[in-house]
PDB file of N, CA and C in Angstrom:
ATOM      1  N   MET A   1      -3.666 -35.581 -40.462  1.00  0.00           N
ATOM      2  CA  MET A   1      -4.251 -35.690 -41.781  1.00  0.00           C
ATOM      3  C   MET A   1      -4.833 -34.330 -42.165  1.00  0.00           C
ATOM      4  N   SER A   2      -4.428 -33.825 -43.305  1.00  0.00           N
ATOM      5  CA  SER A   2      -4.939 -32.528 -43.736  1.00  0.00           C
ATOM      6  C   SER A   2      -6.206 -32.711 -44.567  1.00  0.00           C
ATOM      7  N   THR A   3      -7.042 -31.696 -44.516  1.00  0.00           N
ATOM      8  CA  THR A   3      -8.307 -31.725 -45.236  1.00  0.00           C
ATOM      9  C   THR A   3      -8.159 -30.971 -46.545  1.00  0.00           C
ATOM     10  N   HIS A   4      -8.664 -31.568 -47.600  1.00  0.00           N
ATOM     11  CA  HIS A   4      -8.627 -30.975 -48.931  1.00  0.00           C
ATOM     12  C   HIS A   4     -10.056 -30.804 -49.425  1.00  0.00           C
ATOM     13  N   THR A   5     -10.234 -29.932 -50.396  1.00  0.00           N
ATOM     14  CA  THR A   5     -11.541 -29.751 -51.026  1.00  0.00           C
ATOM     15  C   THR A   5     -11.368 -29.774 -52.532  1.00  0.00           C
ATOM     16  N   GLN A   6     -12.384 -30.280 -53.210  1.00  0.00           N
ATOM     17  CA  GLN A   6     -12.360 -30.307 -54.664  1.00  0.00           C
ATOM     18  C   GLN A   6     -13.790 -30.385 -55.174  1.00  0.00           C
ATOM     19  N   ASN A   7     -14.038 -29.793 -56.335  1.00  0.00           N
ATOM     20  CA  ASN A   7     -15.361 -29.814 -56.951  1.00  0.00           C
ATOM     21  C   ASN A   7     -15.401 -30.819 -58.086  1.00  0.00           C
ATOM     22  N   LEU A   8     -16.533 -31.477 -58.207  1.00  0.00           N
ATOM     23  CA  LEU A   8     -16.789 -32.413 -59.295  1.00  0.00           C
ATOM     24  C   LEU A   8     -18.066 -31.958 -59.984  1.00  0.00           C
ATOM     25  N   ILE A   9     -18.014 -31.804 -61.298  1.00  0.00           N
ATOM     26  CA  ILE A   9     -19.194 -31.434 -62.077  1.00  0.00           C
ATOM     27  C   ILE A   9     -19.552 -32.622 -62.957  1.00  0.00           C
ATOM     28  N   LEU A  10     -20.746 -33.173 -62.738  1.00  0.00           N
ATOM     29  CA  LEU A  10     -21.194 -34.327 -63.511  1.00  0.00           C
ATOM     30  C   LEU A  10     -21.971 -33.853 -64.730  1.00  0.00           C
ATOM     31  N   LYS A  11     -21.631 -34.426 -65.878  1.00  0.00           N
ATOM     32  CA  LYS A  11     -22.286 -34.050 -67.131  1.00  0.00           C
ATOM     33  C   LYS A  11     -22.776 -35.301 -67.820  1.00  0.00           C
ATOM     34  N   PRO A  12     -23.896 -35.216 -68.523  1.00  0.00           N
ATOM     35  CA  PRO A  12     -24.715 -34.033 -68.713  1.00  0.00           C
ATOM     36  C   PRO A  12     -25.541 -33.726 -67.463  1.00  0.00           C
ATOM     37  N   ASP A  13     -25.919 -32.479 -67.324  1.00  0.00           N
ATOM     38  CA  ASP A  13     -26.738 -32.041 -66.194  1.00  0.00           C
ATOM     39  C   ASP A  13     -28.165 -32.537 -66.432  1.00  0.00           C
ATOM     40  N   ASN A  14     -28.564 -33.584 -65.706  1.00  0.00           N
ATOM     41  CA  ASN A  14     -29.870 -34.201 -65.895  1.00  0.00           C
ATOM     42  C   ASN A  14     -30.507 -34.400 -64.523  1.00  0.00           C
ATOM     43  N   ALA A  15     -31.587 -33.690 -64.259  1.00  0.00           N
ATOM     44  CA  ALA A  15     -32.216 -33.694 -62.930  1.00  0.00           C
ATOM     45  C   ALA A  15     -32.670 -35.084 -62.501  1.00  0.00           C
ATOM     46  N   GLN A  16     -33.221 -35.860 -63.413  1.00  0.00           N
ATOM     47  CA  GLN A  16     -33.704 -37.196 -63.054  1.00  0.00           C
ATOM     48  C   GLN A  16     -32.540 -38.114 -62.675  1.00  0.00           C
ATOM     49  N   ARG A  17     -31.458 -38.054 -63.435  1.00  0.00           N
ATOM     50  CA  ARG A  17     -30.283 -38.881 -63.126  1.00  0.00           C
ATOM     51  C   ARG A  17     -29.648 -38.448 -61.807  1.00  0.00           C
ATOM     52  N   LEU A  18     -29.586 -37.143 -61.559  1.00  0.00           N
ATOM     53  CA  LEU A  18     -29.018 -36.647 -60.299  1.00  0.00           C
ATOM     54  C   LEU A  18     -29.874 -37.071 -59.110  1.00  0.00           C
ATOM     55  N   SER A  19     -31.184 -37.041 -59.278  1.00  0.00           N
ATOM     56  CA  SER A  19     -32.087 -37.481 -58.219  1.00  0.00           C
ATOM     57  C   SER A  19     -31.870 -38.959 -57.913  1.00  0.00           C
ATOM     58  N   ASN A  20     -31.699 -39.755 -58.944  1.00  0.00           N
ATOM     59  CA  ASN A  20     -31.434 -41.181 -58.784  1.00  0.00           C
ATOM     60  C   ASN A  20     -30.096 -41.398 -58.075  1.00  0.00           C
ATOM     61  N   LEU A  21     -29.090 -40.648 -58.466  1.00  0.00           N
ATOM     62  CA  LEU A  21     -27.764 -40.756 -57.850  1.00  0.00           C
ATOM     63  C   LEU A  21     -27.809 -40.397 -56.370  1.00  0.00           C
ATOM     64  N   CYS A  22     -28.443 -39.293 -56.041  1.00  0.00           N
ATOM     65  CA  CYS A  22     -28.443 -38.794 -54.660  1.00  0.00           C
ATOM     66  C   CYS A  22     -29.352 -39.596 -53.742  1.00  0.00           C
ATOM     67  N   GLY A  23     -30.423 -40.151 -54.291  1.00  0.00           N
ATOM     68  CA  GLY A  23     -31.350 -40.929 -53.484  1.00  0.00           C
ATOM     69  C   GLY A  23     -32.348 -40.041 -52.759  1.00  0.00           C
ATOM     70  N   ARG A  24     -33.356 -40.684 -52.219  1.00  0.00           N
ATOM     71  CA  ARG A  24     -34.393 -39.965 -51.475  1.00  0.00           C
ATOM     72  C   ARG A  24     -33.761 -39.336 -50.242  1.00  0.00           C
ATOM     73  N   LEU A  25     -33.973 -38.050 -50.067  1.00  0.00           N
ATOM     74  CA  LEU A  25     -33.402 -37.286 -48.950  1.00  0.00           C
ATOM     75  C   LEU A  25     -31.878 -37.415 -48.891  1.00  0.00           C
ATOM     76  N   ASN A  26     -31.252 -37.543 -50.055  1.00  0.00           N
ATOM     77  CA  ASN A  26     -29.789 -37.664 -50.184  1.00  0.00           C
ATOM     78  C   ASN A  26     -29.217 -38.876 -49.455  1.00  0.00           C
ATOM     79  N   GLU A  27     -30.015 -39.936 -49.309  1.00  0.00           N
ATOM     80  CA  GLU A  27     -29.542 -41.099 -48.555  1.00  0.00           C
ATOM     81  C   GLU A  27     -28.326 -41.757 -49.196  1.00  0.00           C
ATOM     82  N   HIS A  28     -28.247 -41.773 -50.534  1.00  0.00           N
ATOM     83  CA  HIS A  28     -27.076 -42.367 -51.186  1.00  0.00           C
ATOM     84  C   HIS A  28     -25.819 -41.543 -50.899  1.00  0.00           C
ATOM     85  N   ILE A  29     -25.960 -40.235 -50.940  1.00  0.00           N
ATOM     86  CA  ILE A  29     -24.822 -39.349 -50.659  1.00  0.00           C
ATOM     87  C   ILE A  29     -24.356 -39.538 -49.218  1.00  0.00           C
ATOM     88  N   HIS A  30     -25.281 -39.643 -48.287  1.00  0.00           N
ATOM     89  CA  HIS A  30     -24.918 -39.837 -46.877  1.00  0.00           C
ATOM     90  C   HIS A  30     -24.178 -41.160 -46.676  1.00  0.00           C
ATOM     91  N   GLN A  31     -24.597 -42.204 -47.375  1.00  0.00           N
ATOM     92  CA  GLN A  31     -23.911 -43.491 -47.267  1.00  0.00           C
ATOM     93  C   GLN A  31     -22.486 -43.395 -47.794  1.00  0.00           C
ATOM     94  N   ILE A  32     -22.300 -42.697 -48.897  1.00  0.00           N
ATOM     95  CA  ILE A  32     -20.957 -42.508 -49.457  1.00  0.00           C
ATOM     96  C   ILE A  32     -20.095 -41.721 -48.476  1.00  0.00           C
ATOM     97  N   GLU A  33     -20.667 -40.662 -47.887  1.00  0.00           N
ATOM     98  CA  GLU A  33     -19.926 -39.853 -46.907  1.00  0.00           C
ATOM     99  C   GLU A  33     -19.437 -40.708 -45.738  1.00  0.00           C
ATOM    100  N   ILE A  34     -20.309 -41.534 -45.212  1.00  0.00           N
ATOM    101  CA  ILE A  34     -19.950 -42.371 -44.064  1.00  0.00           C
ATOM    102  C   ILE A  34     -18.886 -43.392 -44.455  1.00  0.00           C
ATOM    103  N   PHE A  35     -19.091 -44.075 -45.565  1.00  0.00           N
ATOM    104  CA  PHE A  35     -18.177 -45.130 -45.990  1.00  0.00           C
ATOM    105  C   PHE A  35     -16.783 -44.598 -46.305  1.00  0.00           C
ATOM    106  N   LEU A  36     -16.716 -43.406 -46.933  1.00  0.00           N
ATOM    107  CA  LEU A  36     -15.420 -42.859 -47.354  1.00  0.00           C
ATOM    108  C   LEU A  36     -14.855 -41.821 -46.388  1.00  0.00           C
ATOM    109  N   ALA A  37     -15.577 -41.517 -45.317  1.00  0.00           N
ATOM    110  CA  ALA A  37     -15.132 -40.508 -44.338  1.00  0.00           C
ATOM    111  C   ALA A  37     -14.823 -39.186 -45.026  1.00  0.00           C
ATOM    112  N   LEU A  38     -15.832 -38.670 -45.733  1.00  0.00           N
ATOM    113  CA  LEU A  38     -15.689 -37.384 -46.384  1.00  0.00           C
ATOM    114  C   LEU A  38     -17.020 -36.658 -46.358  1.00  0.00           C
ATOM    115  N   LYS A  39     -16.993 -35.371 -46.631  1.00  0.00           N
ATOM    116  CA  LYS A  39     -18.191 -34.529 -46.636  1.00  0.00           C
ATOM    117  C   LYS A  39     -18.501 -34.157 -48.076  1.00  0.00           C
ATOM    118  N   ILE A  40     -19.768 -34.331 -48.466  1.00  0.00           N
ATOM    119  CA  ILE A  40     -20.191 -34.009 -49.831  1.00  0.00           C
ATOM    120  C   ILE A  40     -21.345 -33.023 -49.753  1.00  0.00           C
ATOM    121  N   GLN A  41     -21.195 -31.904 -50.455  1.00  0.00           N
ATOM    122  CA  GLN A  41     -22.279 -30.938 -50.616  1.00  0.00           C
ATOM    123  C   GLN A  41     -22.602 -30.886 -52.099  1.00  0.00           C
ATOM    124  N   GLN A  42     -23.887 -30.812 -52.416  1.00  0.00           N
ATOM    125  CA  GLN A  42     -24.315 -30.863 -53.810  1.00  0.00           C
ATOM    126  C   GLN A  42     -25.278 -29.738 -54.123  1.00  0.00           C
ATOM    127  N   ARG A  43     -25.070 -29.117 -55.256  1.00  0.00           N
ATOM    128  CA  ARG A  43     -26.009 -28.135 -55.786  1.00  0.00           C
ATOM    129  C   ARG A  43     -26.063 -28.391 -57.285  1.00  0.00           C
ATOM    130  N   GLY A  44     -27.221 -28.871 -57.738  1.00  0.00           N
ATOM    131  CA  GLY A  44     -27.342 -29.224 -59.149  1.00  0.00           C
ATOM    132  C   GLY A  44     -26.383 -30.345 -59.487  1.00  0.00           C
ATOM    133  N   ASN A  45     -25.622 -30.162 -60.555  1.00  0.00           N
ATOM    134  CA  ASN A  45     -24.677 -31.203 -60.960  1.00  0.00           C
ATOM    135  C   ASN A  45     -23.262 -30.949 -60.435  1.00  0.00           C
ATOM    136  N   THR A  46     -23.121 -30.013 -59.492  1.00  0.00           N
ATOM    137  CA  THR A  46     -21.820 -29.713 -58.890  1.00  0.00           C
ATOM    138  C   THR A  46     -21.757 -30.300 -57.485  1.00  0.00           C
ATOM    139  N   PHE A  47     -20.728 -31.085 -57.247  1.00  0.00           N
ATOM    140  CA  PHE A  47     -20.506 -31.723 -55.954  1.00  0.00           C
ATOM    141  C   PHE A  47     -19.215 -31.175 -55.369  1.00  0.00           C
ATOM    142  N   HIS A  48     -19.280 -30.727 -54.123  1.00  0.00           N
ATOM    143  CA  HIS A  48     -18.129 -30.183 -53.396  1.00  0.00           C
ATOM    144  C   HIS A  48     -17.721 -31.251 -52.384  1.00  0.00           C
ATOM    145  N   LEU A  49     -16.528 -31.823 -52.564  1.00  0.00           N
ATOM    146  CA  LEU A  49     -16.048 -32.894 -51.695  1.00  0.00           C
ATOM    147  C   LEU A  49     -14.958 -32.357 -50.784  1.00  0.00           C
ATOM    148  N   ARG A  50     -15.022 -32.730 -49.499  1.00  0.00           N
ATOM    149  CA  ARG A  50     -14.030 -32.292 -48.521  1.00  0.00           C
ATOM    150  C   ARG A  50     -13.593 -33.497 -47.691  1.00  0.00           C
ATOM    151  N   GLY A  51     -12.280 -33.707 -47.635  1.00  0.00           N
ATOM    152  CA  GLY A  51     -11.733 -34.825 -46.873  1.00  0.00           C
ATOM    153  C   GLY A  51     -10.278 -35.030 -47.235  1.00  0.00           C
ATOM    154  N   SER A  52      -9.773 -36.223 -46.974  1.00  0.00           N
ATOM    155  CA  SER A  52      -8.387 -36.531 -47.338  1.00  0.00           C
ATOM    156  C   SER A  52      -8.288 -36.669 -48.857  1.00  0.00           C
ATOM    157  N   GLU A  53      -7.076 -36.558 -49.376  1.00  0.00           N
ATOM    158  CA  GLU A  53      -6.883 -36.676 -50.826  1.00  0.00           C
ATOM    159  C   GLU A  53      -7.391 -38.015 -51.343  1.00  0.00           C
ATOM    160  N   SER A  54      -7.096 -39.088 -50.621  1.00  0.00           N
ATOM    161  CA  SER A  54      -7.523 -40.414 -51.081  1.00  0.00           C
ATOM    162  C   SER A  54      -9.044 -40.560 -51.004  1.00  0.00           C
ATOM    163  N   ALA A  55      -9.667 -40.002 -49.970  1.00  0.00           N
ATOM    164  CA  ALA A  55     -11.126 -40.064 -49.850  1.00  0.00           C
ATOM    165  C   ALA A  55     -11.788 -39.291 -50.983  1.00  0.00           C
ATOM    166  N   ILE A  56     -11.224 -38.144 -51.333  1.00  0.00           N
ATOM    167  CA  ILE A  56     -11.771 -37.350 -52.441  1.00  0.00           C
ATOM    168  C   ILE A  56     -11.636 -38.113 -53.754  1.00  0.00           C
ATOM    169  N   ALA A  57     -10.478 -38.720 -53.986  1.00  0.00           N
ATOM    170  CA  ALA A  57     -10.272 -39.501 -55.211  1.00  0.00           C
ATOM    171  C   ALA A  57     -11.271 -40.656 -55.282  1.00  0.00           C
ATOM    172  N   ASP A  58     -11.455 -41.347 -54.160  1.00  0.00           N
ATOM    173  CA  ASP A  58     -12.430 -42.441 -54.117  1.00  0.00           C
ATOM    174  C   ASP A  58     -13.847 -41.913 -54.330  1.00  0.00           C
ATOM    175  N   GLY A  59     -14.151 -40.763 -53.730  1.00  0.00           N
ATOM    176  CA  GLY A  59     -15.465 -40.147 -53.900  1.00  0.00           C
ATOM    177  C   GLY A  59     -15.743 -39.789 -55.352  1.00  0.00           C
ATOM    178  N   PHE A  60     -14.744 -39.237 -56.037  1.00  0.00           N
ATOM    179  CA  PHE A  60     -14.891 -38.923 -57.462  1.00  0.00           C
ATOM    180  C   PHE A  60     -15.237 -40.197 -58.230  1.00  0.00           C
ATOM    181  N   HIS A  61     -14.475 -41.259 -57.964  1.00  0.00           N
ATOM    182  CA  HIS A  61     -14.677 -42.518 -58.683  1.00  0.00           C
ATOM    183  C   HIS A  61     -16.083 -43.073 -58.435  1.00  0.00           C
ATOM    184  N   VAL A  62     -16.513 -43.093 -57.189  1.00  0.00           N
ATOM    185  CA  VAL A  62     -17.834 -43.626 -56.841  1.00  0.00           C
ATOM    186  C   VAL A  62     -18.939 -42.788 -57.484  1.00  0.00           C
ATOM    187  N   LEU A  63     -18.866 -41.472 -57.339  1.00  0.00           N
ATOM    188  CA  LEU A  63     -19.912 -40.607 -57.896  1.00  0.00           C
ATOM    189  C   LEU A  63     -19.971 -40.705 -59.417  1.00  0.00           C
ATOM    190  N   GLU A  64     -18.815 -40.699 -60.075  1.00  0.00           N
ATOM    191  CA  GLU A  64     -18.796 -40.799 -61.542  1.00  0.00           C
ATOM    192  C   GLU A  64     -19.322 -42.155 -62.004  1.00  0.00           C
ATOM    193  N   SER A  65     -18.945 -43.219 -61.312  1.00  0.00           N
ATOM    194  CA  SER A  65     -19.407 -44.561 -61.682  1.00  0.00           C
ATOM    195  C   SER A  65     -20.914 -44.698 -61.499  1.00  0.00           C
ATOM    196  N   LEU A  66     -21.414 -44.237 -60.356  1.00  0.00           N
ATOM    197  CA  LEU A  66     -22.850 -44.332 -60.106  1.00  0.00           C
ATOM    198  C   LEU A  66     -23.643 -43.441 -61.058  1.00  0.00           C
ATOM    199  N   TYR A  67     -23.113 -42.252 -61.365  1.00  0.00           N
ATOM    200  CA  TYR A  67     -23.817 -41.368 -62.297  1.00  0.00           C
ATOM    201  C   TYR A  67     -23.876 -42.015 -63.678  1.00  0.00           C
ATOM    202  N   SER A  68     -22.806 -42.667 -64.067  1.00  0.00           N
ATOM    203  CA  SER A  68     -22.793 -43.381 -65.338  1.00  0.00           C
ATOM    204  C   SER A  68     -23.845 -44.491 -65.342  1.00  0.00           C
ATOM    205  N   ALA A  69     -23.994 -45.168 -64.208  1.00  0.00           N
ATOM    206  CA  ALA A  69     -24.979 -46.251 -64.097  1.00  0.00           C
ATOM    207  C   ALA A  69     -26.414 -45.740 -64.201  1.00  0.00           C
ATOM    208  N   THR A  70     -26.655 -44.476 -63.882  1.00  0.00           N
ATOM    209  CA  THR A  70     -28.015 -43.927 -63.962  1.00  0.00           C
ATOM    210  C   THR A  70     -28.463 -43.709 -65.402  1.00  0.00           C
ATOM    211  N   GLN A  71     -27.547 -43.842 -66.335  1.00  0.00           N
ATOM    212  CA  GLN A  71     -27.855 -43.618 -67.746  1.00  0.00           C
ATOM    213  C   GLN A  71     -28.928 -44.585 -68.247  1.00  0.00           C
ATOM    214  N   THR A  72     -29.002 -45.774 -67.666  1.00  0.00           N
ATOM    215  CA  THR A  72     -29.969 -46.784 -68.108  1.00  0.00           C
ATOM    216  C   THR A  72     -31.390 -46.459 -67.673  1.00  0.00           C
ATOM    217  N   GLY A  73     -31.530 -45.569 -66.687  1.00  0.00           N
ATOM    218  CA  GLY A  73     -32.852 -45.212 -66.188  1.00  0.00           C
ATOM    219  C   GLY A  73     -33.322 -46.089 -65.045  1.00  0.00           C
ATOM    220  N   LYS A  74     -32.550 -47.136 -64.720  1.00  0.00           N
ATOM    221  CA  LYS A  74     -32.908 -48.005 -63.595  1.00  0.00           C
ATOM    222  C   LYS A  74     -32.537 -47.320 -62.291  1.00  0.00           C
ATOM    223  N   LEU A  75     -33.328 -47.568 -61.261  1.00  0.00           N
ATOM    224  CA  LEU A  75     -33.058 -46.972 -59.953  1.00  0.00           C
ATOM    225  C   LEU A  75     -31.847 -47.625 -59.318  1.00  0.00           C
ATOM    226  N   LEU A  76     -31.057 -46.823 -58.611  1.00  0.00           N
ATOM    227  CA  LEU A  76     -29.895 -47.355 -57.902  1.00  0.00           C
ATOM    228  C   LEU A  76     -30.323 -47.967 -56.592  1.00  0.00           C
TER     229      LEU A  76
END
């Protein structure tokens, strides 16, 4: 299995929504990494995903969906 990398930029860049998405001490990101078997690095609204093509595609979908859910202001 070859490893791929891809960047995802979530917009709009909103610190409160990103904090909600990532969770305390990035616990939400770590759970996604474990579940999808991929590595996620984040700086601001840019996420660097590394893993298989399918894991990256799934990671994009999960991160975009959860970021969209943060729009309501409710905690994830």
